[in-house]
Amino acid sequence: MHFRIKSKRDKIRFVPVHPMVLRLIGEYLEAGKHGGGVSRESLDSPLFR
């Protein structure tokens, strides 16, 4: 698992994600009513709205 990050100059980089971080992100998405946790849709959308 990784984050796809787009920089100011449209450069794309990929940053690895630790499995515990992925679990915490899932909890954050559930608590914020972002669609019920980690799913393909939530992984393709911005983390912070």
N, C-alpha and C. Protein backbone atom coordinates (compact mmCIF):
# COMPACT_ATOMS: atom_id res chain seq x y z
N MET A 1 0.85 -1.17 0.00
CA MET A 1 0.00 0.00 0.00
C MET A 1 0.90 1.24 0.00
N HIS A 2 0.44 2.28 -0.67
CA HIS A 2 1.21 3.53 -0.75
C HIS A 2 0.25 4.70 -0.97
N PHE A 3 0.78 5.88 -0.69
CA PHE A 3 0.07 7.12 -1.01
C PHE A 3 0.61 7.62 -2.34
N ARG A 4 -0.27 8.09 -3.20
CA ARG A 4 0.13 8.76 -4.44
C ARG A 4 0.02 10.25 -4.16
N ILE A 5 1.14 10.95 -4.22
CA ILE A 5 1.18 12.37 -3.87
C ILE A 5 1.55 13.18 -5.10
N LYS A 6 0.73 14.19 -5.37
CA LYS A 6 0.98 15.09 -6.50
C LYS A 6 1.53 16.39 -5.95
N SER A 7 2.73 16.77 -6.41
CA SER A 7 3.38 17.98 -5.90
C SER A 7 2.92 19.22 -6.67
N LYS A 8 3.46 20.35 -6.29
CA LYS A 8 3.08 21.62 -6.91
C LYS A 8 3.34 21.62 -8.41
N ARG A 9 4.39 20.98 -8.83
CA ARG A 9 4.75 20.99 -10.25
C ARG A 9 4.22 19.75 -10.98
N ASP A 10 3.16 19.18 -10.47
CA ASP A 10 2.50 18.01 -11.06
C ASP A 10 3.38 16.77 -11.10
N LYS A 11 4.40 16.74 -10.25
CA LYS A 11 5.24 15.55 -10.14
C LYS A 11 4.51 14.56 -9.22
N ILE A 12 4.47 13.30 -9.64
CA ILE A 12 3.81 12.25 -8.86
C ILE A 12 4.88 11.43 -8.14
N ARG A 13 4.66 11.21 -6.83
CA ARG A 13 5.54 10.31 -6.09
C ARG A 13 4.70 9.36 -5.28
N PHE A 14 5.29 8.24 -4.94
CA PHE A 14 4.60 7.21 -4.19
C PHE A 14 5.32 7.00 -2.87
N VAL A 15 4.57 7.10 -1.76
CA VAL A 15 5.12 6.98 -0.42
C VAL A 15 4.52 5.74 0.24
N PRO A 16 5.36 4.79 0.68
CA PRO A 16 4.82 3.58 1.31
C PRO A 16 4.06 3.90 2.60
N VAL A 17 3.06 3.07 2.91
CA VAL A 17 2.23 3.25 4.10
C VAL A 17 2.36 2.01 4.98
N HIS A 18 2.65 2.22 6.24
CA HIS A 18 2.74 1.13 7.21
C HIS A 18 1.33 0.57 7.45
N PRO A 19 1.19 -0.74 7.64
CA PRO A 19 -0.14 -1.33 7.85
C PRO A 19 -0.91 -0.71 9.02
N MET A 20 -0.23 -0.33 10.09
CA MET A 20 -0.93 0.30 11.23
C MET A 20 -1.50 1.65 10.82
N VAL A 21 -0.77 2.38 10.00
CA VAL A 21 -1.26 3.67 9.52
C VAL A 21 -2.52 3.47 8.67
N LEU A 22 -2.52 2.43 7.86
CA LEU A 22 -3.70 2.13 7.05
C LEU A 22 -4.91 1.85 7.94
N ARG A 23 -4.71 1.12 9.03
CA ARG A 23 -5.80 0.84 9.97
C ARG A 23 -6.31 2.13 10.59
N LEU A 24 -5.39 3.00 10.99
CA LEU A 24 -5.78 4.28 11.61
C LEU A 24 -6.52 5.17 10.61
N ILE A 25 -6.11 5.15 9.36
CA ILE A 25 -6.82 5.92 8.34
C ILE A 25 -8.24 5.38 8.17
N GLY A 26 -8.39 4.06 8.20
CA GLY A 26 -9.72 3.46 8.12
C GLY A 26 -10.60 3.91 9.26
N GLU A 27 -10.05 3.96 10.48
CA GLU A 27 -10.81 4.44 11.63
C GLU A 27 -11.18 5.91 11.47
N TYR A 28 -10.27 6.70 10.95
CA TYR A 28 -10.53 8.13 10.70
C TYR A 28 -11.68 8.28 9.70
N LEU A 29 -11.64 7.49 8.62
CA LEU A 29 -12.68 7.59 7.60
C LEU A 29 -14.04 7.17 8.16
N GLU A 30 -14.06 6.14 8.99
CA GLU A 30 -15.32 5.72 9.61
C GLU A 30 -15.86 6.79 10.55
N ALA A 31 -14.99 7.38 11.37
CA ALA A 31 -15.41 8.39 12.34
C ALA A 31 -15.91 9.65 11.64
N GLY A 32 -15.33 9.96 10.48
CA GLY A 32 -15.71 11.17 9.75
C GLY A 32 -16.81 10.95 8.74
N LYS A 33 -17.41 9.74 8.75
CA LYS A 33 -18.51 9.42 7.82
C LYS A 33 -18.08 9.62 6.36
N HIS A 34 -16.89 9.12 6.04
CA HIS A 34 -16.36 9.24 4.68
C HIS A 34 -16.71 8.04 3.82
N GLY A 35 -17.70 7.30 4.17
CA GLY A 35 -18.10 6.18 3.34
C GLY A 35 -17.85 4.83 3.98
N GLY A 36 -17.67 4.78 5.28
CA GLY A 36 -17.59 3.49 5.96
C GLY A 36 -16.25 2.80 5.95
N GLY A 37 -15.17 3.52 5.93
CA GLY A 37 -13.87 2.89 6.05
C GLY A 37 -13.09 2.87 4.75
N VAL A 38 -12.10 2.01 4.71
CA VAL A 38 -11.21 1.95 3.56
C VAL A 38 -11.87 1.10 2.47
N SER A 39 -12.09 1.70 1.33
CA SER A 39 -12.62 1.00 0.17
C SER A 39 -11.91 1.55 -1.06
N ARG A 40 -12.14 0.95 -2.20
CA ARG A 40 -11.50 1.43 -3.43
C ARG A 40 -11.87 2.88 -3.69
N GLU A 41 -13.14 3.25 -3.45
CA GLU A 41 -13.59 4.62 -3.68
C GLU A 41 -12.90 5.60 -2.74
N SER A 42 -12.81 5.22 -1.45
CA SER A 42 -12.19 6.13 -0.49
C SER A 42 -10.70 6.23 -0.72
N LEU A 43 -10.08 5.18 -1.25
CA LEU A 43 -8.63 5.22 -1.51
C LEU A 43 -8.31 6.07 -2.73
N ASP A 44 -9.26 6.25 -3.62
CA ASP A 44 -9.04 7.06 -4.82
C ASP A 44 -9.39 8.52 -4.61
N SER A 45 -9.96 8.87 -3.47
CA SER A 45 -10.35 10.26 -3.23
C SER A 45 -9.38 10.90 -2.23
N PRO A 46 -9.40 12.23 -2.12
CA PRO A 46 -8.52 12.91 -1.16
C PRO A 46 -8.80 12.46 0.27
N LEU A 47 -7.74 12.35 1.08
CA LEU A 47 -7.88 11.92 2.46
C LEU A 47 -8.54 13.00 3.29
N PHE A 48 -8.07 14.25 3.13
CA PHE A 48 -8.62 15.38 3.90
C PHE A 48 -9.42 16.24 2.95
N ARG A 49 -10.69 16.45 3.29
CA ARG A 49 -11.56 17.23 2.40
C ARG A 49 -11.66 18.65 2.87
